[in-house]
Amino acid sequence: MRRRLLVALTAFATIAVLAFAAPLCSIAATSRTQQLVAGRTGDADRFATLADTAAESGDTHALAAEVGRYHQLYGEPVLVVDARGQPLVNAGVDPTDTGVQAALAAARRNQRPAPIAQLLPWTPTTVLIARPIGTGVQVHGAVLIAASTAPARADILRTWGIVGGGALVAMTLFTALALLLARWVLRPLADLSTAVAALTASLPTPRPGPATPTTHPHSGPPEILAVAASVDTMAAAVLDSQRAQRQLVADTAHAMRNPLAALTIRLDSLEPAIPAHAAATFHGAVTEAERLTGLLDGLLDLAVAEGSHDHDRPGADDHCDAARVIDDRLDAWHTAFDHAGQHLTADTTPTGIDVAVPADVLAQILDVALSNSCRYAGPGAHTHLTLTPADTTVTLTVSDDGTGVPADELDHLTTRFFRGSTATAGGSGLGLPIAAALTTAHHGHLTVRPVHPHGLAVVVELPKAPA
């Protein structure tokens, strides 16, 4: 991947450098060409003025002397002809050359000269500069200079060399920067890939199942695809491990219920034969057996709640009237609260509000909260159920003004097997975890909040059923 990244960055840097270097080279060549043409055109115009003066006086000695000195100084041939094309002064020009004849003929007709092509290091060694003698109305001849392009081409080549050297330095800097950038970007990826590969190799092969994520081929760098495949494998292994854990808990709870049921039956059958002095011990054993049975039932319910996917398959019983369920639970728990010396009320003024949860699941969630209030709030406490609808959610709150729970223990109440420091005897610590798992399984959220000045509130937020 580093090679591909370096190639991409280097290609981008090359394009960027060329985008600056090519226009600079072109501007330098154009400027030097214009400088050469302007200079030689000025010289040709000066010779044309001298030739016009010589034609009026009939003396060409001064013109010949000036042309000779120019040819000797610059080494460039010069030819001056009259209106008929006959040479007046010739300093090294071949008058029979077709190019020379065409340039002189155009100048004698006072035609606009063709533009000189941009000079390049490999262009011809000379260019022809021809200018008419006289004015635009009357032309007496023409002047031609065979200008050498060697100095101009040397200047252009030197400028191009400087630009090329700068471009090479820039490319070197860009390449070094690309290498540093590639290392900075890819080093964490390489470390991650190595760590993920090592972790994936240590994981067991996930068993096929409905929770195993399905991967699809994608295009991209092989290193990224390898990391993605390793992450998919880890996700599948984690999901398989969670599924196996839930299955183990369910299987263990189910397998132990039968021996406990048999033990309970045998203890019941032994009760008439227990002497009076051993009755307390016997009743303690029966109580422990019943407690273990309740604990196993809770574990089984928790495993079923955490592994439930029924809410993903809509059906006829996937919603219920929240107010009706609250009224049913109020009737079911009213006697228990009276025996505990507590008060139970409900506010179900909003009616006809359906939540996207089956009635039995909502009843089970409310039973957990009501059971905790009845068991731990204390005599004289008041428990109140409220129903608060919103745009897309429905909030059910079970609050009491009992003894409450210390603030540092609130976040642990939904942890399995955790029991608060103020809890009395009884309970397995699985009620709220089961309720939280059922709420989460149906796309809801369960929180436990303090009630001021004292007490506890279980807030269940569930999605509202579609109309």
Protein backbone atom coordinates (compact mmCIF):
# COMPACT_ATOMS: atom_id res chain seq x y z
CA MET A 1 0.00 0.00 0.00
CA ARG A 2 2.91 2.34 0.69
CA ARG A 3 4.13 1.88 -2.87
CA ARG A 4 0.73 2.73 -4.30
CA LEU A 5 0.37 5.76 -2.04
CA LEU A 6 3.84 6.99 -2.98
CA VAL A 7 3.08 6.53 -6.69
CA ALA A 8 -0.14 8.51 -6.34
CA LEU A 9 1.48 11.31 -4.34
CA THR A 10 4.49 11.45 -6.67
CA ALA A 11 2.24 11.58 -9.73
CA PHE A 12 0.26 14.41 -8.18
CA ALA A 13 3.47 16.26 -7.30
CA THR A 14 4.81 15.77 -10.84
CA ILE A 15 1.62 17.17 -12.36
CA ALA A 16 1.74 20.15 -9.98
CA VAL A 17 5.41 20.89 -10.73
CA LEU A 18 4.89 20.56 -14.48
CA ALA A 19 1.85 22.83 -14.26
CA PHE A 20 4.19 25.56 -12.97
CA ALA A 21 7.35 24.69 -14.91
CA ALA A 22 5.82 24.35 -18.40
CA PRO A 23 4.23 27.85 -18.46
CA LEU A 24 7.46 29.36 -17.10
CA CYS A 25 9.46 27.75 -19.89
CA SER A 26 6.96 28.86 -22.51
CA ILE A 27 6.95 32.44 -21.19
CA ALA A 28 10.75 32.53 -21.18
CA ALA A 29 10.95 31.30 -24.82
CA THR A 30 8.26 33.74 -25.98
CA SER A 31 9.91 36.68 -24.23
CA ARG A 32 13.34 35.89 -25.74
CA THR A 33 11.81 35.46 -29.20
CA GLN A 34 10.07 38.82 -28.99
CA GLN A 35 13.29 40.41 -27.78
CA LEU A 36 15.22 39.05 -30.78
CA VAL A 37 12.53 40.04 -33.30
CA ALA A 38 12.16 43.53 -31.82
CA GLY A 39 15.92 44.14 -31.87
CA ARG A 40 16.49 42.92 -35.42
CA THR A 41 13.39 44.71 -36.70
CA GLY A 42 14.77 47.98 -35.25
CA ASP A 43 18.11 47.36 -36.99
CA ALA A 44 16.35 46.63 -40.28
CA ASP A 45 14.29 49.84 -39.98
CA ARG A 46 17.48 51.81 -39.35
CA PHE A 47 19.08 50.33 -42.49
CA ALA A 48 15.87 51.08 -44.40
CA THR A 49 16.12 54.75 -43.33
CA LEU A 50 19.77 54.91 -44.43
CA ALA A 51 18.88 53.21 -47.72
CA ASP A 52 16.07 55.73 -48.33
CA THR A 53 18.52 58.59 -47.71
CA ALA A 54 21.11 56.98 -50.01
CA ALA A 55 18.48 56.55 -52.76
CA GLU A 56 17.70 60.28 -52.63
CA SER A 57 21.38 61.31 -52.70
CA GLY A 58 22.59 58.53 -55.01
CA ASP A 59 25.49 57.72 -52.63
CA THR A 60 25.45 54.21 -51.12
CA HIS A 61 28.94 54.37 -49.57
CA ALA A 62 27.66 55.36 -46.15
CA LEU A 63 25.03 52.60 -46.27
CA ALA A 64 27.61 50.01 -47.33
CA ALA A 65 29.98 51.09 -44.56
CA GLU A 66 27.23 50.83 -41.93
CA VAL A 67 26.14 47.41 -43.18
CA GLY A 68 29.73 46.21 -43.17
CA ARG A 69 30.33 47.33 -39.61
CA TYR A 70 27.08 45.64 -38.54
CA HIS A 71 28.03 42.39 -40.24
CA GLN A 72 31.50 42.51 -38.72
CA LEU A 73 30.15 43.25 -35.23
CA TYR A 74 27.22 40.79 -35.07
CA GLY A 75 28.21 38.30 -37.75
CA GLU A 76 24.73 38.42 -39.27
CA PRO A 77 24.32 38.75 -43.07
CA VAL A 78 22.48 41.84 -44.39
CA LEU A 79 21.05 42.45 -47.87
CA VAL A 80 19.65 45.70 -49.25
CA VAL A 81 17.82 45.66 -52.59
CA ASP A 82 16.09 48.31 -54.70
CA ALA A 83 12.51 48.37 -55.92
CA ARG A 84 13.33 45.96 -58.75
CA GLY A 85 15.00 43.50 -56.36
CA GLN A 86 18.54 44.27 -57.45
CA PRO A 87 21.12 44.15 -54.64
CA LEU A 88 22.43 47.52 -53.50
CA VAL A 89 24.49 46.25 -50.56
CA ASN A 90 25.11 42.59 -49.75
CA ALA A 91 26.98 41.39 -46.67
CA GLY A 92 26.93 37.60 -46.83
CA VAL A 93 23.36 36.87 -48.03
CA ASP A 94 22.67 34.42 -50.87
CA PRO A 95 20.14 36.32 -53.04
CA THR A 96 19.17 33.16 -54.93
CA ASP A 97 17.78 31.45 -51.81
CA THR A 98 14.03 30.93 -52.15
CA GLY A 99 13.38 31.97 -48.58
CA VAL A 100 15.34 35.18 -49.06
CA GLN A 101 13.53 35.94 -52.32
CA ALA A 102 10.08 35.31 -50.76
CA ALA A 103 10.87 37.57 -47.76
CA LEU A 104 12.19 40.38 -50.01
CA ALA A 105 9.21 40.13 -52.36
CA ALA A 106 6.77 40.43 -49.44
CA ALA A 107 8.69 43.41 -48.05
CA ARG A 108 8.72 45.20 -51.45
CA ARG A 109 4.96 44.77 -51.63
CA ASN A 110 4.78 46.20 -48.09
CA GLN A 111 2.95 43.13 -46.84
CA ARG A 112 2.63 42.39 -43.18
CA PRO A 113 5.42 39.94 -42.29
CA ALA A 114 4.49 36.49 -41.06
CA PRO A 115 4.90 36.11 -37.28
CA ILE A 116 8.13 34.51 -36.17
CA ALA A 117 7.52 31.16 -34.51
CA GLN A 118 8.50 30.82 -30.86
CA LEU A 119 12.18 30.00 -30.58
CA LEU A 120 13.13 26.69 -29.00
CA PRO A 121 16.53 25.14 -28.33
CA TRP A 122 16.10 22.95 -31.46
CA THR A 123 14.75 25.60 -33.90
CA PRO A 124 16.76 26.67 -37.06
CA THR A 125 19.92 28.68 -36.55
CA THR A 126 18.67 31.78 -38.42
CA VAL A 127 15.44 33.71 -38.95
CA LEU A 128 14.82 36.22 -41.79
CA ILE A 129 13.77 39.75 -40.85
CA ALA A 130 12.69 41.83 -43.89
CA ARG A 131 11.52 45.46 -43.84
CA PRO A 132 10.47 47.77 -46.72
CA ILE A 133 12.41 50.91 -47.71
CA GLY A 134 10.21 53.96 -47.90
CA THR A 135 6.70 54.69 -46.75
CA GLY A 136 3.52 52.74 -47.13
CA VAL A 137 2.67 54.72 -50.32
CA GLN A 138 6.01 54.42 -52.12
CA VAL A 139 8.43 51.54 -51.49
CA HIS A 140 11.95 51.91 -52.93
CA GLY A 141 13.26 48.46 -51.93
CA ALA A 142 13.75 46.20 -48.97
CA VAL A 143 16.24 45.33 -46.23
CA LEU A 144 16.77 41.73 -45.05
CA ILE A 145 18.73 40.56 -42.02
CA ALA A 146 19.48 36.86 -41.52
CA ALA A 147 19.40 37.04 -37.72
CA SER A 148 21.24 34.33 -35.81
CA THR A 149 19.17 32.51 -33.18
CA ALA A 150 22.15 30.97 -31.41
CA PRO A 151 22.35 33.52 -28.53
CA ALA A 152 18.58 33.47 -28.06
CA ARG A 153 18.46 29.68 -28.08
CA ALA A 154 21.33 29.58 -25.59
CA ASP A 155 19.47 31.98 -23.29
CA ILE A 156 16.29 29.90 -23.58
CA LEU A 157 18.18 26.69 -22.86
CA ARG A 158 19.86 28.27 -19.83
CA THR A 159 16.49 29.51 -18.51
CA TRP A 160 14.97 26.11 -19.07
CA GLY A 161 17.87 24.56 -17.19
CA ILE A 162 17.25 26.82 -14.20
CA VAL A 163 13.52 26.02 -14.26
CA GLY A 164 14.28 22.32 -14.65
CA GLY A 165 16.71 22.41 -11.73
CA GLY A 166 14.11 24.14 -9.59
CA ALA A 167 11.52 21.58 -10.66
CA LEU A 168 13.93 18.75 -9.80
CA VAL A 169 14.55 20.23 -6.35
CA ALA A 170 10.80 20.65 -5.86
CA MET A 171 10.20 17.05 -6.96
CA THR A 172 12.85 15.85 -4.51
CA LEU A 173 11.21 17.79 -1.69
CA PHE A 174 7.76 16.56 -2.70
CA THR A 175 9.00 12.96 -2.83
CA ALA A 176 10.59 13.24 0.61
CA LEU A 177 7.40 14.82 1.95
CA ALA A 178 5.31 12.07 0.33
CA LEU A 179 7.53 9.42 1.92
CA LEU A 180 7.18 11.01 5.36
CA LEU A 181 3.44 11.42 4.90
CA ALA A 182 3.06 7.80 3.78
CA ARG A 183 4.97 6.57 6.81
CA TRP A 184 2.96 8.81 9.16
CA VAL A 185 -0.35 7.64 7.71
CA LEU A 186 0.43 3.96 7.23
CA ARG A 187 2.39 3.19 10.41
CA PRO A 188 -0.75 3.13 12.64
CA LEU A 189 -2.54 1.12 9.97
CA ALA A 190 0.29 -1.39 9.85
CA ASP A 191 0.33 -1.69 13.65
CA LEU A 192 -3.46 -2.07 13.68
CA SER A 193 -3.34 -4.68 10.95
CA THR A 194 -0.69 -6.67 12.82
CA ALA A 195 -2.59 -6.48 16.13
CA VAL A 196 -5.90 -7.38 14.51
CA ALA A 197 -4.34 -10.27 12.61
CA ALA A 198 -2.76 -11.62 15.80
CA LEU A 199 -6.00 -11.27 17.71
CA THR A 200 -8.00 -12.86 14.91
CA ALA A 201 -5.61 -15.80 14.76
CA SER A 202 -6.19 -16.43 18.48
CA LEU A 203 -9.98 -16.46 18.16
CA PRO A 204 -11.93 -19.65 17.54
CA THR A 205 -13.61 -20.07 14.20
CA PRO A 206 -17.14 -18.71 14.53
CA ARG A 207 -19.93 -21.14 13.95
CA PRO A 208 -22.42 -20.27 11.24
CA GLY A 209 -25.59 -18.81 12.60
CA PRO A 210 -28.12 -16.05 12.16
CA ALA A 211 -26.00 -13.59 14.11
CA THR A 212 -22.90 -14.07 11.96
CA PRO A 213 -22.38 -10.95 9.81
CA THR A 214 -22.25 -11.51 6.09
CA THR A 215 -19.34 -9.93 4.27
CA HIS A 216 -19.43 -8.76 0.69
CA PRO A 217 -16.44 -8.22 -1.60
CA HIS A 218 -15.34 -4.62 -1.99
CA SER A 219 -12.62 -2.97 -4.02
CA GLY A 220 -9.79 -1.20 -2.26
CA PRO A 221 -6.25 -1.61 -0.98
CA PRO A 222 -5.50 -5.20 0.06
CA GLU A 223 -4.27 -4.05 3.48
CA ILE A 224 -7.55 -2.28 4.25
CA LEU A 225 -9.52 -5.26 2.97
CA ALA A 226 -7.45 -7.56 5.20
CA VAL A 227 -8.17 -5.39 8.26
CA ALA A 228 -11.87 -5.30 7.33
CA ALA A 229 -11.94 -9.07 6.97
CA SER A 230 -10.22 -9.49 10.35
CA VAL A 231 -12.69 -7.11 11.99
CA ASP A 232 -15.57 -9.05 10.44
CA THR A 233 -14.08 -12.26 11.79
CA MET A 234 -13.72 -10.74 15.27
CA ALA A 235 -17.27 -9.42 15.16
CA ALA A 236 -18.54 -12.84 14.17
CA ALA A 237 -16.50 -14.47 16.94
CA VAL A 238 -17.79 -11.97 19.54
CA LEU A 239 -21.39 -12.47 18.44
CA ASP A 240 -20.92 -16.23 18.47
CA SER A 241 -19.36 -16.01 21.95
CA GLN A 242 -22.30 -13.94 23.22
CA ARG A 243 -24.74 -16.39 21.68
CA ALA A 244 -22.86 -19.31 23.24
CA GLN A 245 -22.79 -17.55 26.62
CA ARG A 246 -26.53 -16.95 26.58
CA GLN A 247 -27.13 -20.52 25.49
CA LEU A 248 -24.85 -21.81 28.26
CA VAL A 249 -26.72 -19.79 30.88
CA ALA A 250 -30.07 -20.95 29.56
CA ASP A 251 -28.95 -24.58 29.33
CA THR A 252 -27.42 -24.51 32.81
CA ALA A 253 -30.50 -22.92 34.36
CA HIS A 254 -32.77 -25.36 32.57
CA ALA A 255 -30.65 -28.37 33.49
CA MET A 256 -30.50 -27.43 37.16
CA ARG A 257 -34.21 -26.76 37.50
CA ASN A 258 -35.06 -30.46 37.24
CA PRO A 259 -32.79 -31.58 40.11
CA LEU A 260 -34.01 -28.66 42.21
CA ALA A 261 -37.63 -29.54 41.47
CA ALA A 262 -36.95 -33.15 42.47
CA LEU A 263 -35.19 -31.93 45.63
CA THR A 264 -38.13 -29.68 46.51
CA ILE A 265 -40.59 -32.54 46.04
CA ARG A 266 -38.52 -34.82 48.27
CA LEU A 267 -38.22 -32.11 50.90
CA ASP A 268 -41.98 -31.66 50.87
CA SER A 269 -42.50 -35.40 51.24
CA LEU A 270 -40.08 -35.48 54.18
CA GLU A 271 -41.76 -32.65 56.09
CA PRO A 272 -44.17 -34.90 58.12
CA ALA A 273 -41.23 -37.02 59.29
CA ILE A 274 -39.09 -34.10 60.48
CA PRO A 275 -38.83 -33.95 64.30
CA ALA A 276 -39.61 -30.70 66.06
CA HIS A 277 -36.03 -29.95 67.02
CA ALA A 278 -34.98 -30.11 63.27
CA ALA A 279 -37.93 -28.16 61.88
CA ALA A 280 -36.01 -24.86 61.71
CA THR A 281 -33.16 -26.44 59.78
CA PHE A 282 -35.62 -28.16 57.48
CA HIS A 283 -37.50 -24.94 56.70
CA GLY A 284 -34.17 -23.21 56.06
CA ALA A 285 -33.27 -25.87 53.49
CA VAL A 286 -36.67 -25.48 51.82
CA THR A 287 -36.21 -21.71 51.69
CA GLU A 288 -32.75 -22.07 50.10
CA ALA A 289 -34.12 -24.49 47.53
CA GLU A 290 -36.88 -22.04 46.66
CA ARG A 291 -34.33 -19.22 46.45
CA LEU A 292 -32.15 -21.25 44.07
CA THR A 293 -35.20 -22.04 41.96
CA GLY A 294 -36.03 -18.35 41.69
CA LEU A 295 -32.42 -17.57 40.84
CA LEU A 296 -32.38 -20.12 38.02
CA ASP A 297 -35.69 -18.81 36.73
CA GLY A 298 -34.21 -15.32 36.67
CA LEU A 299 -31.11 -16.49 34.81
CA LEU A 300 -33.28 -18.22 32.24
CA ASP A 301 -35.45 -15.14 31.80
CA LEU A 302 -32.34 -12.94 31.42
CA ALA A 303 -30.85 -15.24 28.77
CA VAL A 304 -34.12 -15.23 26.87
CA ALA A 305 -34.40 -11.42 27.13
CA GLU A 306 -30.84 -10.78 25.94
CA GLY A 307 -31.16 -13.22 23.05
CA SER A 308 -34.67 -12.25 21.97
CA HIS A 309 -35.12 -11.20 18.33
CA ASP A 310 -38.88 -11.44 18.16
CA HIS A 311 -39.21 -7.67 18.05
CA ASP A 312 -37.53 -7.64 14.64
CA ARG A 313 -40.42 -9.63 13.16
CA PRO A 314 -43.58 -7.50 13.26
CA GLY A 315 -46.78 -9.34 14.00
CA ALA A 316 -50.29 -8.85 15.23
CA ASP A 317 -49.22 -8.74 18.91
CA ASP A 318 -46.18 -6.49 18.60
CA HIS A 319 -47.91 -3.49 20.24
CA CYS A 320 -50.31 -2.84 23.10
CA ASP A 321 -52.28 -0.14 24.86
CA ALA A 322 -49.93 1.14 27.58
CA ALA A 323 -52.77 2.56 29.75
CA ARG A 324 -54.62 -0.74 29.75
CA VAL A 325 -51.50 -2.68 30.77
CA ILE A 326 -50.88 -0.21 33.61
CA ASP A 327 -54.45 -0.66 34.84
CA ASP A 328 -54.03 -4.45 34.74
CA ARG A 329 -50.79 -4.31 36.74
CA LEU A 330 -52.41 -1.89 39.20
CA ASP A 331 -55.13 -4.45 39.90
CA ALA A 332 -52.63 -7.30 40.11
CA TRP A 333 -50.32 -5.55 42.62
CA HIS A 334 -52.85 -3.67 44.69
CA THR A 335 -53.26 -6.43 47.29
CA ALA A 336 -49.49 -6.95 47.68
CA PHE A 337 -48.95 -3.24 48.33
CA ASP A 338 -51.79 -3.21 50.89
CA HIS A 339 -50.22 -6.11 52.77
CA ALA A 340 -46.86 -4.26 52.74
CA GLY A 341 -48.49 -1.16 54.22
CA GLN A 342 -47.87 0.88 51.08
CA HIS A 343 -49.98 2.87 48.65
CA LEU A 344 -50.13 2.26 44.87
CA THR A 345 -51.65 4.76 42.44
CA ALA A 346 -51.48 5.40 38.73
CA ASP A 347 -52.12 8.28 36.35
CA THR A 348 -53.35 6.87 33.04
CA THR A 349 -55.18 9.97 31.80
CA PRO A 350 -53.73 9.66 28.27
CA THR A 351 -55.61 6.66 26.84
CA GLY A 352 -55.40 4.87 23.55
CA ILE A 353 -51.61 5.20 23.35
CA ASP A 354 -49.99 2.13 21.84
CA VAL A 355 -46.34 1.23 22.39
CA ALA A 356 -44.32 -1.00 20.08
CA VAL A 357 -44.00 -3.73 22.74
CA PRO A 358 -46.16 -6.82 23.31
CA ALA A 359 -48.46 -6.61 26.33
CA ASP A 360 -46.81 -9.49 28.18
CA VAL A 361 -43.35 -7.93 27.77
CA LEU A 362 -44.54 -4.53 29.03
CA ALA A 363 -46.25 -6.25 31.95
CA GLN A 364 -43.04 -8.11 32.81
CA ILE A 365 -41.05 -4.84 32.77
CA LEU A 366 -43.57 -3.09 35.01
CA ASP A 367 -43.73 -6.11 37.35
CA VAL A 368 -40.00 -5.81 38.00
CA ALA A 369 -40.27 -2.13 38.97
CA LEU A 370 -43.41 -2.70 41.07
CA SER A 371 -41.86 -5.71 42.81
CA ASN A 372 -38.80 -3.68 43.80
CA SER A 373 -40.94 -0.82 45.13
CA CYS A 374 -43.17 -3.22 47.09
CA ARG A 375 -40.20 -5.08 48.54
CA TYR A 376 -37.70 -2.29 49.26
CA ALA A 377 -39.59 1.05 49.56
CA GLY A 378 -40.68 0.33 53.14
CA PRO A 379 -43.94 0.66 55.07
CA GLY A 380 -45.93 3.83 54.40
CA ALA A 381 -44.27 4.47 51.04
CA HIS A 382 -46.29 5.72 48.10
CA THR A 383 -45.65 4.26 44.62
CA HIS A 384 -47.02 6.08 41.60
CA LEU A 385 -47.19 5.05 37.90
CA THR A 386 -47.30 7.74 35.24
CA LEU A 387 -47.69 7.58 31.46
CA THR A 388 -46.17 10.42 29.39
CA PRO A 389 -46.55 10.32 25.59
CA ALA A 390 -44.25 12.21 23.20
CA ASP A 391 -43.98 12.52 19.42
CA THR A 392 -42.30 9.18 18.78
CA THR A 393 -41.87 7.69 22.27
CA VAL A 394 -43.88 6.83 25.35
CA THR A 395 -42.36 7.15 28.83
CA LEU A 396 -43.58 5.02 31.74
CA THR A 397 -42.34 5.96 35.20
CA VAL A 398 -42.63 3.90 38.40
CA SER A 399 -41.58 6.16 41.28
CA ASP A 400 -41.75 5.79 45.05
CA ASP A 401 -40.88 7.93 48.06
CA GLY A 402 -39.22 5.11 49.98
CA THR A 403 -35.73 4.78 51.36
CA GLY A 404 -34.09 4.98 47.94
CA VAL A 405 -30.56 3.97 46.95
CA PRO A 406 -27.22 5.79 47.47
CA ALA A 407 -26.22 7.92 44.47
CA ASP A 408 -23.04 5.95 43.80
CA GLU A 409 -25.06 2.73 43.41
CA LEU A 410 -27.62 3.97 40.84
CA ASP A 411 -25.50 3.06 37.82
CA HIS A 412 -25.01 -0.49 39.11
CA LEU A 413 -28.66 -1.38 39.66
CA THR A 414 -29.02 -2.75 36.11
CA THR A 415 -25.94 -4.95 36.56
CA ARG A 416 -26.78 -8.60 37.06
CA PHE A 417 -26.56 -9.94 40.61
CA PHE A 418 -26.00 -6.45 42.08
CA ARG A 419 -28.09 -5.64 45.14
CA GLY A 420 -28.11 -2.23 46.79
CA SER A 421 -26.79 -1.68 50.28
CA THR A 422 -30.28 -0.69 51.49
CA ALA A 423 -31.95 -3.83 50.11
CA THR A 424 -33.54 -6.15 52.63
CA ALA A 425 -33.32 -9.92 52.52
CA GLY A 426 -34.59 -11.62 49.38
CA GLY A 427 -34.11 -10.99 45.71
CA SER A 428 -31.53 -12.25 43.27
CA GLY A 429 -30.27 -9.03 41.66
CA LEU A 430 -31.64 -10.04 38.25
CA GLY A 431 -34.94 -8.15 38.10
CA LEU A 432 -33.74 -4.80 36.75
CA PRO A 433 -31.17 -6.41 34.40
CA ILE A 434 -33.99 -8.49 32.90
CA ALA A 435 -36.21 -5.40 32.53
CA ALA A 436 -33.34 -3.42 30.99
CA ALA A 437 -32.59 -6.27 28.55
CA LEU A 438 -36.24 -6.50 27.50
CA THR A 439 -36.45 -2.73 27.05
CA THR A 440 -33.27 -2.61 24.97
CA ALA A 441 -34.43 -5.57 22.87
CA HIS A 442 -37.48 -3.52 21.86
CA HIS A 443 -35.49 -0.39 20.98
CA GLY A 444 -36.19 1.32 24.28
CA HIS A 445 -34.18 2.63 27.19
CA LEU A 446 -34.45 1.98 30.95
CA THR A 447 -32.90 4.29 33.52
CA VAL A 448 -32.96 4.45 37.32
CA ARG A 449 -33.14 7.93 38.85
CA PRO A 450 -33.30 9.29 42.40
CA VAL A 451 -36.44 10.98 43.72
CA HIS A 452 -35.98 14.02 45.93
CA PRO A 453 -35.96 14.24 48.87
CA HIS A 454 -35.90 10.43 48.98
CA GLY A 455 -37.07 7.55 46.85
CA LEU A 456 -36.36 5.90 43.55
CA ALA A 457 -37.84 6.06 40.03
CA VAL A 458 -37.57 3.53 37.21
CA VAL A 459 -38.06 5.32 33.86
CA VAL A 460 -38.86 3.18 30.82
CA GLU A 461 -38.83 4.92 27.44
CA LEU A 462 -40.32 2.87 24.60
CA PRO A 463 -41.06 3.65 20.95
CA LYS A 464 -44.61 4.56 20.08
CA ALA A 465 -46.39 2.07 17.83
CA PRO A 466 -47.10 3.32 14.29
CA ALA A 467 -50.68 4.37 13.62
